[in-house]
Amino acid sequence: SSGINAEWPLRPGRWKVPELSDLIKEEKLKHHSFPFVALTETWLKSYISDAQLRLPGYTVSRSDRDAKTGGGVLLYSHVNIPVSECTKFDDGTCEGIFCKFSTDCDSALIPLL
C-alpha cells in the first residue's frame, strides 16, 4: 500500500502541482497507483482554470471558496475511472463535491468536504 503523507496546498504563488505530478510519477515507477488524489484547503478561486491544475492522466473536479480566503476542495480522478456525475456543495462555511464514478460493473460515490 502506498500513500501520500504531505500537505499539498495549491495557494497561488505556491502551487505544488508540479511536485504532486513528480510524486505520482515516482510512485508509478514503484508500481503503485493512485486512482484518486483528494485535496482540501486548496485556496483556489474560480479564475484559476482546470488547465492550470492539470495532472497528466487525471481529471479535475473541484469546489472553490470565492467569498473568503482559504477553503476549497479538489479531486483528481484517474482517466480510467470516469466521473459520471459531480455535484458541488457550498453553504458559505464548507465546500464539497460529491463525485459518482460508474463502470460497466459497478458505481461508487466519493464525498469530499
PDB file of N, CA and C in Angstrom:
ATOM      1  N   SER A   1       0.849  -1.188   0.000  1.00  0.00           N
ATOM      2  CA  SER A   1       0.000   0.000   0.000  1.00  0.00           C
ATOM      3  C   SER A   1       0.883   1.236   0.000  1.00  0.00           C
ATOM      4  N   SER A   2       0.446   2.226  -0.744  1.00  0.00           N
ATOM      5  CA  SER A   2       1.217   3.448  -0.843  1.00  0.00           C
ATOM      6  C   SER A   2       0.319   4.623  -0.514  1.00  0.00           C
ATOM      7  N   GLY A   3       0.877   5.656   0.065  1.00  0.00           N
ATOM      8  CA  GLY A   3       0.090   6.836   0.369  1.00  0.00           C
ATOM      9  C   GLY A   3       0.956   8.071   0.347  1.00  0.00           C
ATOM     10  N   ILE A   4       0.289   9.194   0.253  1.00  0.00           N
ATOM     11  CA  ILE A   4       0.997  10.472   0.291  1.00  0.00           C
ATOM     12  C   ILE A   4       0.840  11.021   1.690  1.00  0.00           C
ATOM     13  N   ASN A   5       1.932  11.299   2.345  1.00  0.00           N
ATOM     14  CA  ASN A   5       1.887  11.857   3.689  1.00  0.00           C
ATOM     15  C   ASN A   5       2.512  13.239   3.635  1.00  0.00           C
ATOM     16  N   ALA A   6       1.785  14.160   3.035  1.00  0.00           N
ATOM     17  CA  ALA A   6       2.303  15.517   2.899  1.00  0.00           C
ATOM     18  C   ALA A   6       1.140  16.469   2.683  1.00  0.00           C
ATOM     19  N   GLU A   7       1.373  17.724   2.934  1.00  0.00           N
ATOM     20  CA  GLU A   7       0.381  18.737   2.628  1.00  0.00           C
ATOM     21  C   GLU A   7       0.694  19.276   1.245  1.00  0.00           C
ATOM     22  N   TRP A   8      -0.356  19.498   0.460  1.00  0.00           N
ATOM     23  CA  TRP A   8      -0.184  19.963  -0.909  1.00  0.00           C
ATOM     24  C   TRP A   8      -1.017  21.204  -1.154  1.00  0.00           C
ATOM     25  N   PRO A   9      -0.765  22.301  -0.450  1.00  0.00           N
ATOM     26  CA  PRO A   9      -1.573  23.499  -0.697  1.00  0.00           C
ATOM     27  C   PRO A   9      -1.343  24.009  -2.110  1.00  0.00           C
ATOM     28  N   LEU A  10      -2.399  24.481  -2.710  1.00  0.00           N
ATOM     29  CA  LEU A  10      -2.325  24.979  -4.074  1.00  0.00           C
ATOM     30  C   LEU A  10      -2.425  26.491  -4.101  1.00  0.00           C
ATOM     31  N   ARG A  11      -2.085  27.147  -3.023  1.00  0.00           N
ATOM     32  CA  ARG A  11      -2.204  28.600  -2.959  1.00  0.00           C
ATOM     33  C   ARG A  11      -1.426  29.259  -4.085  1.00  0.00           C
ATOM     34  N   PRO A  12      -2.047  30.255  -4.745  1.00  0.00           N
ATOM     35  CA  PRO A  12      -1.347  30.932  -5.839  1.00  0.00           C
ATOM     36  C   PRO A  12       0.047  31.383  -5.409  1.00  0.00           C
ATOM     37  N   GLY A  13       1.002  31.169  -6.289  1.00  0.00           N
ATOM     38  CA  GLY A  13       2.383  31.519  -5.986  1.00  0.00           C
ATOM     39  C   GLY A  13       3.113  30.398  -5.276  1.00  0.00           C
ATOM     40  N   ARG A  14       2.363  29.426  -4.738  1.00  0.00           N
ATOM     41  CA  ARG A  14       2.982  28.312  -4.020  1.00  0.00           C
ATOM     42  C   ARG A  14       2.375  26.997  -4.471  1.00  0.00           C
ATOM     43  N   TRP A  15       1.830  26.949  -5.650  1.00  0.00           N
ATOM     44  CA  TRP A  15       1.186  25.729  -6.126  1.00  0.00           C
ATOM     45  C   TRP A  15       2.163  24.579  -6.100  1.00  0.00           C
ATOM     46  N   LYS A  16       1.675  23.442  -5.724  1.00  0.00           N
ATOM     47  CA  LYS A  16       2.506  22.257  -5.622  1.00  0.00           C
ATOM     48  C   LYS A  16       2.146  21.231  -6.699  1.00  0.00           C
ATOM     49  N   VAL A  17       1.460  21.659  -7.750  1.00  0.00           N
ATOM     50  CA  VAL A  17       1.048  20.730  -8.797  1.00  0.00           C
ATOM     51  C   VAL A  17       2.255  20.025  -9.421  1.00  0.00           C
ATOM     52  N   PRO A  18       3.341  20.725  -9.776  1.00  0.00           N
ATOM     53  CA  PRO A  18       4.496  20.004 -10.336  1.00  0.00           C
ATOM     54  C   PRO A  18       5.075  18.968  -9.368  1.00  0.00           C
ATOM     55  N   GLU A  19       5.134  19.300  -8.087  1.00  0.00           N
ATOM     56  CA  GLU A  19       5.657  18.360  -7.103  1.00  0.00           C
ATOM     57  C   GLU A  19       4.732  17.151  -6.962  1.00  0.00           C
ATOM     58  N   LEU A  20       3.449  17.391  -6.981  1.00  0.00           N
ATOM     59  CA  LEU A  20       2.481  16.296  -6.896  1.00  0.00           C
ATOM     60  C   LEU A  20       2.604  15.396  -8.126  1.00  0.00           C
ATOM     61  N   SER A  21       2.741  15.991  -9.289  1.00  0.00           N
ATOM     62  CA  SER A  21       2.926  15.229 -10.521  1.00  0.00           C
ATOM     63  C   SER A  21       4.184  14.367 -10.446  1.00  0.00           C
ATOM     64  N   ASP A  22       5.275  14.948  -9.951  1.00  0.00           N
ATOM     65  CA  ASP A  22       6.531  14.195  -9.808  1.00  0.00           C
ATOM     66  C   ASP A  22       6.367  13.035  -8.834  1.00  0.00           C
ATOM     67  N   LEU A  23       5.659  13.262  -7.734  1.00  0.00           N
ATOM     68  CA  LEU A  23       5.449  12.204  -6.748  1.00  0.00           C
ATOM     69  C   LEU A  23       4.646  11.053  -7.354  1.00  0.00           C
ATOM     70  N   ILE A  24       3.624  11.375  -8.110  1.00  0.00           N
ATOM     71  CA  ILE A  24       2.812  10.331  -8.750  1.00  0.00           C
ATOM     72  C   ILE A  24       3.670   9.538  -9.733  1.00  0.00           C
ATOM     73  N   LYS A  25       4.530  10.211 -10.484  1.00  0.00           N
ATOM     74  CA  LYS A  25       5.428   9.528 -11.424  1.00  0.00           C
ATOM     75  C   LYS A  25       6.383   8.599 -10.682  1.00  0.00           C
ATOM     76  N   GLU A  26       6.944   9.080  -9.557  1.00  0.00           N
ATOM     77  CA  GLU A  26       7.861   8.257  -8.761  1.00  0.00           C
ATOM     78  C   GLU A  26       7.161   7.009  -8.236  1.00  0.00           C
ATOM     79  N   GLU A  27       5.940   7.185  -7.740  1.00  0.00           N
ATOM     80  CA  GLU A  27       5.183   6.046  -7.205  1.00  0.00           C
ATOM     81  C   GLU A  27       4.815   5.060  -8.313  1.00  0.00           C
ATOM     82  N   LYS A  28       4.536   5.579  -9.511  1.00  0.00           N
ATOM     83  CA  LYS A  28       4.214   4.709 -10.640  1.00  0.00           C
ATOM     84  C   LYS A  28       5.404   3.812 -10.982  1.00  0.00           C
ATOM     85  N   LEU A  29       6.630   4.349 -10.878  1.00  0.00           N
ATOM     86  CA  LEU A  29       7.830   3.552 -11.121  1.00  0.00           C
ATOM     87  C   LEU A  29       7.963   2.410 -10.111  1.00  0.00           C
ATOM     88  N   LYS A  30       7.380   2.578  -8.936  1.00  0.00           N
ATOM     89  CA  LYS A  30       7.387   1.534  -7.895  1.00  0.00           C
ATOM     90  C   LYS A  30       6.168   0.627  -8.023  1.00  0.00           C
ATOM     91  N   HIS A  31       5.428   0.789  -9.125  1.00  0.00           N
ATOM     92  CA  HIS A  31       4.215   0.008  -9.398  1.00  0.00           C
ATOM     93  C   HIS A  31       3.091   0.312  -8.422  1.00  0.00           C
ATOM     94  N   HIS A  32       3.072   1.514  -7.908  1.00  0.00           N
ATOM     95  CA  HIS A  32       1.967   2.000  -7.083  1.00  0.00           C
ATOM     96  C   HIS A  32       1.112   2.917  -7.951  1.00  0.00           C
ATOM     97  N   SER A  33      -0.163   2.922  -7.683  1.00  0.00           N
ATOM     98  CA  SER A  33      -1.027   3.818  -8.449  1.00  0.00           C
ATOM     99  C   SER A  33      -1.984   4.534  -7.512  1.00  0.00           C
ATOM    100  N   PHE A  34      -2.446   5.666  -7.949  1.00  0.00           N
ATOM    101  CA  PHE A  34      -3.414   6.465  -7.206  1.00  0.00           C
ATOM    102  C   PHE A  34      -4.634   6.664  -8.097  1.00  0.00           C
ATOM    103  N   PRO A  35      -5.704   5.908  -7.862  1.00  0.00           N
ATOM    104  CA  PRO A  35      -6.908   6.131  -8.662  1.00  0.00           C
ATOM    105  C   PRO A  35      -7.516   7.500  -8.371  1.00  0.00           C
ATOM    106  N   PHE A  36      -7.338   7.976  -7.144  1.00  0.00           N
ATOM    107  CA  PHE A  36      -7.852   9.279  -6.734  1.00  0.00           C
ATOM    108  C   PHE A  36      -6.809   9.998  -5.886  1.00  0.00           C
ATOM    109  N   VAL A  37      -6.778  11.315  -6.030  1.00  0.00           N
ATOM    110  CA  VAL A  37      -5.969  12.164  -5.158  1.00  0.00           C
ATOM    111  C   VAL A  37      -6.912  13.268  -4.679  1.00  0.00           C
ATOM    112  N   ALA A  38      -7.172  13.311  -3.385  1.00  0.00           N
ATOM    113  CA  ALA A  38      -8.099  14.284  -2.806  1.00  0.00           C
ATOM    114  C   ALA A  38      -7.323  15.354  -2.053  1.00  0.00           C
ATOM    115  N   LEU A  39      -7.681  16.611  -2.306  1.00  0.00           N
ATOM    116  CA  LEU A  39      -7.023  17.738  -1.654  1.00  0.00           C
ATOM    117  C   LEU A  39      -8.068  18.627  -0.988  1.00  0.00           C
ATOM    118  N   THR A  40      -7.767  19.068   0.205  1.00  0.00           N
ATOM    119  CA  THR A  40      -8.620  20.032   0.897  1.00  0.00           C
ATOM    120  C   THR A  40      -7.815  21.294   1.161  1.00  0.00           C
ATOM    121  N   GLU A  41      -8.514  22.361   1.516  1.00  0.00           N
ATOM    122  CA  GLU A  41      -7.862  23.654   1.759  1.00  0.00           C
ATOM    123  C   GLU A  41      -6.988  24.051   0.563  1.00  0.00           C
ATOM    124  N   THR A  42      -7.568  23.994  -0.633  1.00  0.00           N
ATOM    125  CA  THR A  42      -6.809  24.300  -1.844  1.00  0.00           C
ATOM    126  C   THR A  42      -6.571  25.793  -2.028  1.00  0.00           C
ATOM    127  N   TRP A  43      -7.430  26.618  -1.460  1.00  0.00           N
ATOM    128  CA  TRP A  43      -7.348  28.079  -1.566  1.00  0.00           C
ATOM    129  C   TRP A  43      -7.538  28.550  -3.012  1.00  0.00           C
ATOM    130  N   LEU A  44      -8.134  27.722  -3.855  1.00  0.00           N
ATOM    131  CA  LEU A  44      -8.333  28.097  -5.255  1.00  0.00           C
ATOM    132  C   LEU A  44      -9.509  29.040  -5.412  1.00  0.00           C
ATOM    133  N   LYS A  45      -9.482  29.810  -6.475  1.00  0.00           N
ATOM    134  CA  LYS A  45     -10.560  30.725  -6.847  1.00  0.00           C
ATOM    135  C   LYS A  45     -11.028  30.357  -8.246  1.00  0.00           C
ATOM    136  N   SER A  46     -12.226  30.777  -8.610  1.00  0.00           N
ATOM    137  CA  SER A  46     -12.814  30.377  -9.885  1.00  0.00           C
ATOM    138  C   SER A  46     -12.047  30.899 -11.098  1.00  0.00           C
ATOM    139  N   TYR A  47     -11.248  31.957 -10.933  1.00  0.00           N
ATOM    140  CA  TYR A  47     -10.479  32.471 -12.062  1.00  0.00           C
ATOM    141  C   TYR A  47      -9.280  31.588 -12.408  1.00  0.00           C
ATOM    142  N   ILE A  48      -8.967  30.619 -11.578  1.00  0.00           N
ATOM    143  CA  ILE A  48      -7.893  29.669 -11.861  1.00  0.00           C
ATOM    144  C   ILE A  48      -8.503  28.511 -12.642  1.00  0.00           C
ATOM    145  N   SER A  49      -8.007  28.282 -13.839  1.00  0.00           N
ATOM    146  CA  SER A  49      -8.607  27.273 -14.714  1.00  0.00           C
ATOM    147  C   SER A  49      -8.167  25.858 -14.345  1.00  0.00           C
ATOM    148  N   ASP A  50      -8.991  24.898 -14.735  1.00  0.00           N
ATOM    149  CA  ASP A  50      -8.629  23.494 -14.539  1.00  0.00           C
ATOM    150  C   ASP A  50      -7.340  23.158 -15.285  1.00  0.00           C
ATOM    151  N   ALA A  51      -7.115  23.814 -16.428  1.00  0.00           N
ATOM    152  CA  ALA A  51      -5.898  23.558 -17.207  1.00  0.00           C
ATOM    153  C   ALA A  51      -4.642  23.897 -16.402  1.00  0.00           C
ATOM    154  N   GLN A  52      -4.722  24.906 -15.532  1.00  0.00           N
ATOM    155  CA  GLN A  52      -3.578  25.276 -14.695  1.00  0.00           C
ATOM    156  C   GLN A  52      -3.307  24.234 -13.615  1.00  0.00           C
ATOM    157  N   LEU A  53      -4.280  23.390 -13.333  1.00  0.00           N
ATOM    158  CA  LEU A  53      -4.161  22.382 -12.280  1.00  0.00           C
ATOM    159  C   LEU A  53      -3.962  20.979 -12.833  1.00  0.00           C
ATOM    160  N   ARG A  54      -3.823  20.881 -14.121  1.00  0.00           N
ATOM    161  CA  ARG A  54      -3.794  19.601 -14.814  1.00  0.00           C
ATOM    162  C   ARG A  54      -2.663  18.699 -14.334  1.00  0.00           C
ATOM    163  N   LEU A  55      -3.027  17.446 -14.102  1.00  0.00           N
ATOM    164  CA  LEU A  55      -2.054  16.379 -13.869  1.00  0.00           C
ATOM    165  C   LEU A  55      -2.259  15.374 -14.996  1.00  0.00           C
ATOM    166  N   PRO A  56      -1.205  14.995 -15.697  1.00  0.00           N
ATOM    167  CA  PRO A  56      -1.367  14.036 -16.796  1.00  0.00           C
ATOM    168  C   PRO A  56      -2.029  12.748 -16.320  1.00  0.00           C
ATOM    169  N   GLY A  57      -3.065  12.337 -17.047  1.00  0.00           N
ATOM    170  CA  GLY A  57      -3.755  11.087 -16.723  1.00  0.00           C
ATOM    171  C   GLY A  57      -4.871  11.233 -15.708  1.00  0.00           C
ATOM    172  N   TYR A  58      -5.170  12.465 -15.278  1.00  0.00           N
ATOM    173  CA  TYR A  58      -6.197  12.689 -14.262  1.00  0.00           C
ATOM    174  C   TYR A  58      -7.205  13.742 -14.719  1.00  0.00           C
ATOM    175  N   THR A  59      -8.416  13.612 -14.211  1.00  0.00           N
ATOM    176  CA  THR A  59      -9.482  14.581 -14.432  1.00  0.00           C
ATOM    177  C   THR A  59      -9.657  15.392 -13.158  1.00  0.00           C
ATOM    178  N   VAL A  60      -9.925  16.691 -13.288  1.00  0.00           N
ATOM    179  CA  VAL A  60     -10.088  17.587 -12.142  1.00  0.00           C
ATOM    180  C   VAL A  60     -11.566  17.807 -11.856  1.00  0.00           C
ATOM    181  N   SER A  61     -11.958  17.626 -10.589  1.00  0.00           N
ATOM    182  CA  SER A  61     -13.275  18.027 -10.088  1.00  0.00           C
ATOM    183  C   SER A  61     -13.007  18.875  -8.856  1.00  0.00           C
ATOM    184  N   ARG A  62     -13.686  20.013  -8.735  1.00  0.00           N
ATOM    185  CA  ARG A  62     -13.342  20.912  -7.619  1.00  0.00           C
ATOM    186  C   ARG A  62     -14.506  21.793  -7.222  1.00  0.00           C
ATOM    187  N   SER A  63     -14.402  22.308  -6.009  1.00  0.00           N
ATOM    188  CA  SER A  63     -15.323  23.317  -5.489  1.00  0.00           C
ATOM    189  C   SER A  63     -14.463  24.342  -4.764  1.00  0.00           C
ATOM    190  N   ASP A  64     -14.504  25.591  -5.241  1.00  0.00           N
ATOM    191  CA  ASP A  64     -13.658  26.653  -4.700  1.00  0.00           C
ATOM    192  C   ASP A  64     -14.441  27.526  -3.721  1.00  0.00           C
ATOM    193  N   ARG A  65     -13.715  28.187  -2.852  1.00  0.00           N
ATOM    194  CA  ARG A  65     -14.306  29.178  -1.955  1.00  0.00           C
ATOM    195  C   ARG A  65     -13.960  30.555  -2.507  1.00  0.00           C
ATOM    196  N   ASP A  66     -14.929  31.204  -3.129  1.00  0.00           N
ATOM    197  CA  ASP A  66     -14.672  32.510  -3.726  1.00  0.00           C
ATOM    198  C   ASP A  66     -14.932  33.665  -2.765  1.00  0.00           C
ATOM    199  N   ALA A  67     -15.807  33.475  -1.782  1.00  0.00           N
ATOM    200  CA  ALA A  67     -16.213  34.584  -0.920  1.00  0.00           C
ATOM    201  C   ALA A  67     -15.183  34.930   0.157  1.00  0.00           C
ATOM    202  N   LYS A  68     -14.383  33.957   0.573  1.00  0.00           N
ATOM    203  CA  LYS A  68     -13.417  34.174   1.652  1.00  0.00           C
ATOM    204  C   LYS A  68     -12.078  33.549   1.292  1.00  0.00           C
ATOM    205  N   THR A  69     -11.090  33.810   2.113  1.00  0.00           N
ATOM    206  CA  THR A  69      -9.772  33.201   1.948  1.00  0.00           C
ATOM    207  C   THR A  69      -9.802  31.782   2.489  1.00  0.00           C
ATOM    208  N   GLY A  70      -9.021  30.923   1.859  1.00  0.00           N
ATOM    209  CA  GLY A  70      -8.905  29.549   2.323  1.00  0.00           C
ATOM    210  C   GLY A  70      -9.975  28.663   1.725  1.00  0.00           C
ATOM    211  N   GLY A  71     -10.095  27.469   2.300  1.00  0.00           N
ATOM    212  CA  GLY A  71     -11.124  26.528   1.888  1.00  0.00           C
ATOM    213  C   GLY A  71     -10.887  25.943   0.510  1.00  0.00           C
ATOM    214  N   GLY A  72     -11.902  25.256   0.026  1.00  0.00           N
ATOM    215  CA  GLY A  72     -11.868  24.640  -1.284  1.00  0.00           C
ATOM    216  C   GLY A  72     -11.405  23.198  -1.242  1.00  0.00           C
ATOM    217  N   VAL A  73     -11.963  22.411  -2.163  1.00  0.00           N
ATOM    218  CA  VAL A  73     -11.581  21.007  -2.291  1.00  0.00           C
ATOM    219  C   VAL A  73     -11.352  20.685  -3.764  1.00  0.00           C
ATOM    220  N   LEU A  74     -10.541  19.671  -4.002  1.00  0.00           N
ATOM    221  CA  LEU A  74     -10.240  19.243  -5.358  1.00  0.00           C
ATOM    222  C   LEU A  74     -10.034  17.743  -5.350  1.00  0.00           C
ATOM    223  N   LEU A  75     -10.595  17.076  -6.354  1.00  0.00           N
ATOM    224  CA  LEU A  75     -10.409  15.643  -6.506  1.00  0.00           C
ATOM    225  C   LEU A  75      -9.845  15.369  -7.880  1.00  0.00           C
ATOM    226  N   TYR A  76      -8.670  14.742  -7.916  1.00  0.00           N
ATOM    227  CA  TYR A  76      -8.111  14.232  -9.158  1.00  0.00           C
ATOM    228  C   TYR A  76      -8.560  12.786  -9.266  1.00  0.00           C
ATOM    229  N   SER A  77      -9.162  12.416 -10.382  1.00  0.00           N
ATOM    230  CA  SER A  77      -9.548  11.022 -10.609  1.00  0.00           C
ATOM    231  C   SER A  77      -8.878  10.538 -11.884  1.00  0.00           C
ATOM    232  N   HIS A  78      -8.363   9.322 -11.828  1.00  0.00           N
ATOM    233  CA  HIS A  78      -7.658   8.770 -12.976  1.00  0.00           C
ATOM    234  C   HIS A  78      -8.611   8.668 -14.161  1.00  0.00           C
ATOM    235  N   VAL A  79      -8.104   8.939 -15.364  1.00  0.00           N
ATOM    236  CA  VAL A  79      -8.956   8.936 -16.559  1.00  0.00           C
ATOM    237  C   VAL A  79      -9.585   7.579 -16.833  1.00  0.00           C
ATOM    238  N   ASN A  80      -9.012   6.506 -16.300  1.00  0.00           N
ATOM    239  CA  ASN A  80      -9.596   5.175 -16.466  1.00  0.00           C
ATOM    240  C   ASN A  80     -10.797   4.944 -15.557  1.00  0.00           C
ATOM    241  N   ILE A  81     -11.054   5.893 -14.659  1.00  0.00           N
ATOM    242  CA  ILE A  81     -12.217   5.824 -13.761  1.00  0.00           C
ATOM    243  C   ILE A  81     -13.031   7.090 -14.010  1.00  0.00           C
ATOM    244  N   PRO A  82     -13.832   7.095 -15.059  1.00  0.00           N
ATOM    245  CA  PRO A  82     -14.510   8.333 -15.454  1.00  0.00           C
ATOM    246  C   PRO A  82     -15.588   8.784 -14.472  1.00  0.00           C
ATOM    247  N   VAL A  83     -15.654  10.089 -14.280  1.00  0.00           N
ATOM    248  CA  VAL A  83     -16.690  10.702 -13.448  1.00  0.00           C
ATOM    249  C   VAL A  83     -17.976  10.712 -14.267  1.00  0.00           C
ATOM    250  N   SER A  84     -19.040  10.124 -13.733  1.00  0.00           N
ATOM    251  CA  SER A  84     -20.311  10.151 -14.451  1.00  0.00           C
ATOM    252  C   SER A  84     -21.173  11.319 -13.992  1.00  0.00           C
ATOM    253  N   GLU A  85     -20.895  11.806 -12.777  1.00  0.00           N
ATOM    254  CA  GLU A  85     -21.666  12.930 -12.229  1.00  0.00           C
ATOM    255  C   GLU A  85     -20.877  13.536 -11.083  1.00  0.00           C
ATOM    256  N   CYS A  86     -20.886  14.856 -10.984  1.00  0.00           N
ATOM    257  CA  CYS A  86     -20.202  15.530  -9.887  1.00  0.00           C
ATOM    258  C   CYS A  86     -21.050  16.719  -9.451  1.00  0.00           C
ATOM    259  N   THR A  87     -21.431  16.737  -8.177  1.00  0.00           N
ATOM    260  CA  THR A  87     -22.275  17.793  -7.626  1.00  0.00           C
ATOM    261  C   THR A  87     -21.455  18.609  -6.634  1.00  0.00           C
ATOM    262  N   LYS A  88     -21.513  19.927  -6.767  1.00  0.00           N
ATOM    263  CA  LYS A  88     -20.791  20.813  -5.849  1.00  0.00           C
ATOM    264  C   LYS A  88     -21.697  21.184  -4.682  1.00  0.00           C
ATOM    265  N   PHE A  89     -21.074  21.412  -3.533  1.00  0.00           N
ATOM    266  CA  PHE A  89     -21.771  21.835  -2.324  1.00  0.00           C
ATOM    267  C   PHE A  89     -21.034  23.041  -1.754  1.00  0.00           C
ATOM    268  N   ASP A  90     -21.769  24.074  -1.375  1.00  0.00           N
ATOM    269  CA  ASP A  90     -21.177  25.247  -0.731  1.00  0.00           C
ATOM    270  C   ASP A  90     -22.259  25.929   0.088  1.00  0.00           C
ATOM    271  N   ASP A  91     -22.122  25.885   1.403  1.00  0.00           N
ATOM    272  CA  ASP A  91     -23.109  26.544   2.271  1.00  0.00           C
ATOM    273  C   ASP A  91     -22.569  27.853   2.854  1.00  0.00           C
ATOM    274  N   GLY A  92     -21.462  28.350   2.296  1.00  0.00           N
ATOM    275  CA  GLY A  92     -20.863  29.579   2.790  1.00  0.00           C
ATOM    276  C   GLY A  92     -19.824  29.346   3.868  1.00  0.00           C
ATOM    277  N   THR A  93     -19.829  28.175   4.473  1.00  0.00           N
ATOM    278  CA  THR A  93     -18.860  27.812   5.501  1.00  0.00           C
ATOM    279  C   THR A  93     -17.994  26.642   5.048  1.00  0.00           C
ATOM    280  N   CYS A  94     -18.617  25.728   4.340  1.00  0.00           N
ATOM    281  CA  CYS A  94     -17.956  24.490   3.935  1.00  0.00           C
ATOM    282  C   CYS A  94     -18.210  24.238   2.449  1.00  0.00           C
ATOM    283  N   GLU A  95     -17.161  23.829   1.735  1.00  0.00           N
ATOM    284  CA  GLU A  95     -17.294  23.459   0.342  1.00  0.00           C
ATOM    285  C   GLU A  95     -17.118  21.953   0.230  1.00  0.00           C
ATOM    286  N   GLY A  96     -17.724  21.399  -0.787  1.00  0.00           N
ATOM    287  CA  GLY A  96     -17.567  19.971  -1.017  1.00  0.00           C
ATOM    288  C   GLY A  96     -17.963  19.596  -2.427  1.00  0.00           C
ATOM    289  N   ILE A  97     -17.586  18.396  -2.790  1.00  0.00           N
ATOM    290  CA  ILE A  97     -18.031  17.810  -4.036  1.00  0.00           C
ATOM    291  C   ILE A  97     -18.416  16.363  -3.756  1.00  0.00           C
ATOM    292  N   PHE A  98     -19.383  15.895  -4.498  1.00  0.00           N
ATOM    293  CA  PHE A  98     -19.837  14.517  -4.430  1.00  0.00           C
ATOM    294  C   PHE A  98     -19.725  13.977  -5.846  1.00  0.00           C
ATOM    295  N   CYS A  99     -18.771  13.098  -6.074  1.00  0.00           N
ATOM    296  CA  CYS A  99     -18.494  12.597  -7.417  1.00  0.00           C
ATOM    297  C   CYS A  99     -18.896  11.137  -7.527  1.00  0.00           C
ATOM    298  N   LYS A 100     -19.668  10.839  -8.564  1.00  0.00           N
ATOM    299  CA  LYS A 100     -20.096   9.474  -8.837  1.00  0.00           C
ATOM    300  C   LYS A 100     -19.258   8.930  -9.984  1.00  0.00           C
ATOM    301  N   PHE A 101     -18.774   7.729  -9.797  1.00  0.00           N
ATOM    302  CA  PHE A 101     -17.965   7.041 -10.784  1.00  0.00           C
ATOM    303  C   PHE A 101     -18.684   5.770 -11.169  1.00  0.00           C
ATOM    304  N   SER A 102     -18.798   5.531 -12.449  1.00  0.00           N
ATOM    305  CA  SER A 102     -19.515   4.346 -12.921  1.00  0.00           C
ATOM    306  C   SER A 102     -18.675   3.593 -13.943  1.00  0.00           C
ATOM    307  N   THR A 103     -18.725   2.276 -13.831  1.00  0.00           N
ATOM    308  CA  THR A 103     -18.129   1.394 -14.829  1.00  0.00           C
ATOM    309  C   THR A 103     -19.245   0.464 -15.298  1.00  0.00           C
ATOM    310  N   ASP A 104     -18.921  -0.431 -16.187  1.00  0.00           N
ATOM    311  CA  ASP A 104     -19.914  -1.392 -16.656  1.00  0.00           C
ATOM    312  C   ASP A 104     -20.400  -2.293 -15.530  1.00  0.00           C
ATOM    313  N   CYS A 105     -19.555  -2.500 -14.530  1.00  0.00           N
ATOM    314  CA  CYS A 105     -19.857  -3.452 -13.463  1.00  0.00           C
ATOM    315  C   CYS A 105     -20.329  -2.820 -12.162  1.00  0.00           C
ATOM    316  N   ASP A 106     -19.953  -1.584 -11.905  1.00  0.00           N
ATOM    317  CA  ASP A 106     -20.181  -1.035 -10.569  1.00  0.00           C
ATOM    318  C   ASP A 106     -20.211   0.491 -10.610  1.00  0.00           C
ATOM    319  N   SER A 107     -20.619   1.077  -9.490  1.00  0.00           N
ATOM    320  CA  SER A 107     -20.543   2.524  -9.338  1.00  0.00           C
ATOM    321  C   SER A 107     -20.237   2.856  -7.886  1.00  0.00           C
ATOM    322  N   ALA A 108     -19.703   4.039  -7.665  1.00  0.00           N
ATOM    323  CA  ALA A 108     -19.353   4.474  -6.315  1.00  0.00           C
ATOM    324  C   ALA A 108     -19.518   5.984  -6.236  1.00  0.00           C
ATOM    325  N   LEU A 109     -19.804   6.469  -5.033  1.00  0.00           N
ATOM    326  CA  LEU A 109     -19.918   7.895  -4.773  1.00  0.00           C
ATOM    327  C   LEU A 109     -18.819   8.283  -3.799  1.00  0.00           C
ATOM    328  N   ILE A 110     -18.038   9.302  -4.157  1.00  0.00           N
ATOM    329  CA  ILE A 110     -16.969   9.782  -3.286  1.00  0.00           C
ATOM    330  C   ILE A 110     -17.328  11.192  -2.825  1.00  0.00           C
ATOM    331  N   PRO A 111     -17.584  11.369  -1.517  1.00  0.00           N
ATOM    332  CA  PRO A 111     -17.806  12.719  -0.994  1.00  0.00           C
ATOM    333  C   PRO A 111     -16.473  13.309  -0.530  1.00  0.00           C
ATOM    334  N   LEU A 112     -16.271  14.580  -0.809  1.00  0.00           N
ATOM    335  CA  LEU A 112     -15.064  15.271  -0.363  1.00  0.00           C
ATOM    336  C   LEU A 112     -15.479  16.619   0.187  1.00  0.00           C
ATOM    337  N   LEU A 113     -15.321  16.821   1.490  1.00  0.00           N
ATOM    338  CA  LEU A 113     -15.712  18.061   2.158  1.00  0.00           C
ATOM    339  C   LEU A 113     -14.498  18.728   2.771  1.00  0.00           C
TER     340      LEU A 113
END
